[in-house]
C-alpha atoms as a PDB file:
ATOM      1  CA  UNK A   1     165.117  25.495  25.125  1.00  0.00           C
ATOM      2  CA  UNK A   2     161.993  23.370  25.399  1.00  0.00           C
ATOM      3  CA  UNK A   3     158.920  23.224  23.193  1.00  0.00           C
ATOM      4  CA  UNK A   4     156.747  22.504  26.235  1.00  0.00           C
ATOM      5  CA  UNK A   5     155.864  24.265  29.474  1.00  0.00           C
ATOM      6  CA  UNK A   6     155.468  21.738  32.293  1.00  0.00           C
ATOM      7  CA  UNK A   7     155.833  22.132  36.038  1.00  0.00           C
ATOM      8  CA  UNK A   8     158.207  19.136  36.138  1.00  0.00           C
ATOM      9  CA  UNK A   9     160.777  21.083  34.132  1.00  0.00           C
ATOM     10  CA  UNK A  10     160.930  23.855  36.743  1.00  0.00           C
ATOM     11  CA  UNK A  11     162.037  21.279  39.303  1.00  0.00           C
ATOM     12  CA  UNK A  12     164.405  19.492  36.937  1.00  0.00           C
ATOM     13  CA  UNK A  13     166.204  22.724  36.023  1.00  0.00           C
ATOM     14  CA  UNK A  14     166.016  24.075  39.590  1.00  0.00           C
ATOM     15  CA  UNK A  15     164.253  27.299  38.691  1.00  0.00           C
ATOM     16  CA  UNK A  16     161.022  29.112  39.462  1.00  0.00           C
ATOM     17  CA  UNK A  17     160.903  31.092  36.213  1.00  0.00           C
ATOM     18  CA  UNK A  18     160.438  30.231  32.545  1.00  0.00           C
ATOM     19  CA  UNK A  19     160.635  32.605  29.607  1.00  0.00           C
ATOM     20  CA  UNK A  20     158.209  31.633  26.866  1.00  0.00           C
ATOM     21  CA  UNK A  21     159.251  32.776  23.409  1.00  0.00           C
ATOM     22  CA  UNK A  22     155.950  33.714  21.828  1.00  0.00           C
ATOM     23  CA  UNK A  23     157.455  34.426  18.404  1.00  0.00           C
ATOM     24  CA  UNK A  24     160.165  31.783  17.828  1.00  0.00           C
ATOM     25  CA  UNK A  25     160.900  32.805  14.233  1.00  0.00           C
ATOM     26  CA  UNK A  26     161.533  36.398  15.274  1.00  0.00           C
ATOM     27  CA  UNK A  27     163.702  35.217  18.181  1.00  0.00           C
ATOM     28  CA  UNK A  28     165.770  33.028  15.843  1.00  0.00           C
ATOM     29  CA  UNK A  29     166.093  35.902  13.379  1.00  0.00           C
ATOM     30  CA  UNK A  30     167.421  38.196  16.118  1.00  0.00           C
ATOM     31  CA  UNK A  31     169.908  35.591  17.329  1.00  0.00           C
ATOM     32  CA  UNK A  32     171.061  34.987  13.754  1.00  0.00           C
ATOM     33  CA  UNK A  33     171.600  38.723  13.220  1.00  0.00           C
ATOM     34  CA  UNK A  34     173.665  38.917  16.429  1.00  0.00           C
ATOM     35  CA  UNK A  35     175.743  35.874  15.480  1.00  0.00           C
ATOM     36  CA  UNK A  36     176.644  37.503  12.157  1.00  0.00           C
ATOM     37  CA  UNK A  37     178.226  40.368  14.119  1.00  0.00           C
ATOM     38  CA  UNK A  38     180.728  38.050  15.838  1.00  0.00           C
ATOM     39  CA  UNK A  39     184.320  38.434  14.694  1.00  0.00           C
ATOM     40  CA  UNK A  40     184.464  35.164  12.750  1.00  0.00           C
ATOM     41  CA  UNK A  41     181.238  33.211  12.639  1.00  0.00           C
ATOM     42  CA  UNK A  42     181.417  29.796  11.010  1.00  0.00           C
ATOM     43  CA  UNK A  43     180.194  29.695   7.406  1.00  0.00           C
ATOM     44  CA  UNK A  44     177.193  27.581   8.496  1.00  0.00           C
ATOM     45  CA  UNK A  45     175.998  30.466  10.651  1.00  0.00           C
ATOM     46  CA  UNK A  46     173.212  29.589  13.041  1.00  0.00           C
ATOM     47  CA  UNK A  47     171.827  26.065  13.091  1.00  0.00           C
ATOM     48  CA  UNK A  48     168.370  25.576  14.604  1.00  0.00           C
ATOM     49  CA  UNK A  49     166.285  22.488  15.179  1.00  0.00           C
ATOM     50  CA  UNK A  50     164.668  19.935  17.416  1.00  0.00           C
ATOM     51  CA  UNK A  51     166.888  17.598  19.391  1.00  0.00           C
ATOM     52  CA  UNK A  52     167.097  14.021  18.096  1.00  0.00           C
ATOM     53  CA  UNK A  53     166.831  11.583  20.981  1.00  0.00           C
ATOM     54  CA  UNK A  54     168.585   8.241  20.657  1.00  0.00           C
ATOM     55  CA  UNK A  55     168.779   4.974  22.568  1.00  0.00           C
ATOM     56  CA  UNK A  56     172.145   3.509  23.528  1.00  0.00           C
ATOM     57  CA  UNK A  57     173.215   0.586  21.357  1.00  0.00           C
ATOM     58  CA  UNK A  58     170.349   1.139  18.898  1.00  0.00           C
ATOM     59  CA  UNK A  59     170.204   2.586  15.376  1.00  0.00           C
ATOM     60  CA  UNK A  60     169.679   6.348  15.245  1.00  0.00           C
ATOM     61  CA  UNK A  61     167.545   8.278  12.787  1.00  0.00           C
ATOM     62  CA  UNK A  62     170.268  10.712  11.717  1.00  0.00           C
ATOM     63  CA  UNK A  63     173.744  10.708  10.177  1.00  0.00           C
ATOM     64  CA  UNK A  64     176.206  10.413  13.093  1.00  0.00           C
ATOM     65  CA  UNK A  65     179.113  11.267  10.791  1.00  0.00           C
ATOM     66  CA  UNK A  66     177.704  14.744  10.190  1.00  0.00           C
ATOM     67  CA  UNK A  67     179.011  16.949  13.053  1.00  0.00           C
ATOM     68  CA  UNK A  68     176.145  19.410  12.691  1.00  0.00           C
ATOM     69  CA  UNK A  69     173.733  16.587  13.578  1.00  0.00           C
ATOM     70  CA  UNK A  70     175.695  15.702  16.708  1.00  0.00           C
ATOM     71  CA  UNK A  71     174.951  19.120  18.180  1.00  0.00           C
ATOM     72  CA  UNK A  72     171.281  18.098  18.154  1.00  0.00           C
ATOM     73  CA  UNK A  73     171.720  14.593  19.632  1.00  0.00           C
ATOM     74  CA  UNK A  74     170.809  13.655  23.178  1.00  0.00           C
ATOM     75  CA  UNK A  75     170.107  10.446  25.065  1.00  0.00           C
ATOM     76  CA  UNK A  76     166.490   9.283  25.110  1.00  0.00           C
ATOM     77  CA  UNK A  77     166.236   9.607  28.902  1.00  0.00           C
ATOM     78  CA  UNK A  78     165.912  13.381  28.236  1.00  0.00           C
ATOM     79  CA  UNK A  79     163.178  12.987  25.626  1.00  0.00           C
ATOM     80  CA  UNK A  80     160.550  14.399  28.005  1.00  0.00           C
ATOM     81  CA  UNK A  81     162.297  17.802  27.719  1.00  0.00           C
ATOM     82  CA  UNK A  82     161.247  18.208  24.041  1.00  0.00           C
ATOM     83  CA  UNK A  83     164.321  20.354  23.450  1.00  0.00           C
ATOM     84  CA  UNK A  84     164.957  22.823  20.645  1.00  0.00           C
ATOM     85  CA  UNK A  85     168.496  24.121  20.115  1.00  0.00           C
ATOM     86  CA  UNK A  86     170.299  26.977  18.447  1.00  0.00           C
ATOM     87  CA  UNK A  87     173.921  26.126  17.642  1.00  0.00           C
ATOM     88  CA  UNK A  88     176.730  28.136  16.084  1.00  0.00           C
ATOM     89  CA  UNK A  89     180.472  27.945  15.691  1.00  0.00           C
ATOM     90  CA  UNK A  90     183.073  30.700  15.591  1.00  0.00           C
ATOM     91  CA  UNK A  91     186.038  28.912  14.040  1.00  0.00           C
ATOM     92  CA  UNK A  92     186.698  27.208  10.722  1.00  0.00           C
ATOM     93  CA  UNK A  93     186.941  23.869  12.553  1.00  0.00           C
ATOM     94  CA  UNK A  94     183.720  24.332  14.543  1.00  0.00           C
ATOM     95  CA  UNK A  95     181.908  21.469  12.844  1.00  0.00           C
ATOM     96  CA  UNK A  96     184.848  19.237  12.000  1.00  0.00           C
ATOM     97  CA  UNK A  97     184.578  15.549  12.802  1.00  0.00           C
ATOM     98  CA  UNK A  98     187.426  13.579  14.330  1.00  0.00           C
ATOM     99  CA  UNK A  99     187.004   9.926  13.410  1.00  0.00           C
ATOM    100  CA  UNK A 100     188.821   7.250  15.360  1.00  0.00           C
ATOM    101  CA  UNK A 101     188.446   3.590  16.149  1.00  0.00           C
ATOM    102  CA  UNK A 102     187.803   2.874  19.822  1.00  0.00           C
ATOM    103  CA  UNK A 103     187.507  -0.285  21.862  1.00  0.00           C
ATOM    104  CA  UNK A 104     184.356   0.007  23.967  1.00  0.00           C
ATOM    105  CA  UNK A 105     185.851  -1.058  27.298  1.00  0.00           C
ATOM    106  CA  UNK A 106     188.952   1.100  27.057  1.00  0.00           C
ATOM    107  CA  UNK A 107     187.369   4.323  25.774  1.00  0.00           C
ATOM    108  CA  UNK A 108     185.760   6.811  28.136  1.00  0.00           C
ATOM    109  CA  UNK A 109     183.710   9.298  26.121  1.00  0.00           C
ATOM    110  CA  UNK A 110     182.778  11.388  29.167  1.00  0.00           C
ATOM    111  CA  UNK A 111     186.413  11.727  30.200  1.00  0.00           C
ATOM    112  CA  UNK A 112     187.379  12.874  26.710  1.00  0.00           C
ATOM    113  CA  UNK A 113     184.452  15.296  26.527  1.00  0.00           C
ATOM    114  CA  UNK A 114     185.443  16.829  29.877  1.00  0.00           C
ATOM    115  CA  UNK A 115     188.974  17.377  28.538  1.00  0.00           C
ATOM    116  CA  UNK A 116     187.590  19.710  25.870  1.00  0.00           C
ATOM    117  CA  UNK A 117     188.129  23.439  25.929  1.00  0.00           C
ATOM    118  CA  UNK A 118     184.830  25.103  26.876  1.00  0.00           C
ATOM    119  CA  UNK A 119     184.398  28.550  25.407  1.00  0.00           C
ATOM    120  CA  UNK A 120     181.839  31.188  26.141  1.00  0.00           C
ATOM    121  CA  UNK A 121     180.445  33.794  23.793  1.00  0.00           C
ATOM    122  CA  UNK A 122     178.127  36.517  24.957  1.00  0.00           C
ATOM    123  CA  UNK A 123     175.448  37.035  22.329  1.00  0.00           C
ATOM    124  CA  UNK A 124     173.485  40.230  22.874  1.00  0.00           C
ATOM    125  CA  UNK A 125     170.153  40.200  21.089  1.00  0.00           C
ATOM    126  CA  UNK A 126     168.499  43.185  22.731  1.00  0.00           C
ATOM    127  CA  UNK A 127     165.185  43.556  24.500  1.00  0.00           C
ATOM    128  CA  UNK A 128     162.841  40.587  24.134  1.00  0.00           C
ATOM    129  CA  UNK A 129     159.742  41.953  25.889  1.00  0.00           C
ATOM    130  CA  UNK A 130     157.816  42.131  22.635  1.00  0.00           C
ATOM    131  CA  UNK A 131     158.304  38.431  21.820  1.00  0.00           C
ATOM    132  CA  UNK A 132     158.368  36.760  25.251  1.00  0.00           C
ATOM    133  CA  UNK A 133     156.169  36.034  28.225  1.00  0.00           C
ATOM    134  CA  UNK A 134     157.487  35.308  31.737  1.00  0.00           C
ATOM    135  CA  UNK A 135     156.023  32.403  33.743  1.00  0.00           C
ATOM    136  CA  UNK A 136     156.707  31.899  37.469  1.00  0.00           C
ATOM    137  CA  UNK A 137     155.624  29.184  39.831  1.00  0.00           C
END
């Protein structure tokens, strides 16, 4: 999600429609309630916050050893998106951190990330007409 509404984002995300959440706290509350109904939500429940943008090979302003922070990290070339995220896990290991020593030239982070097991969860939060506004270009 983005905290801004700009025409450039329509093009970037290849869409002609944006759904503005006019009551973000109510939206988050509804998502949180729906997450609690999942079979085994992680004890941390729903995490919500602004994305932290970082520059490659530069100090970051957050603890990179805390897995919950990593879910809110994104390269600074996306900073113009002003992203806000909702994150949750459904297993006991959802926010575990695997620490390992890597040699920069022999480690391919993207390759390892693509080897992960993507999972989908359908989260039904009901009708949102009372807390949203639709924008089309």
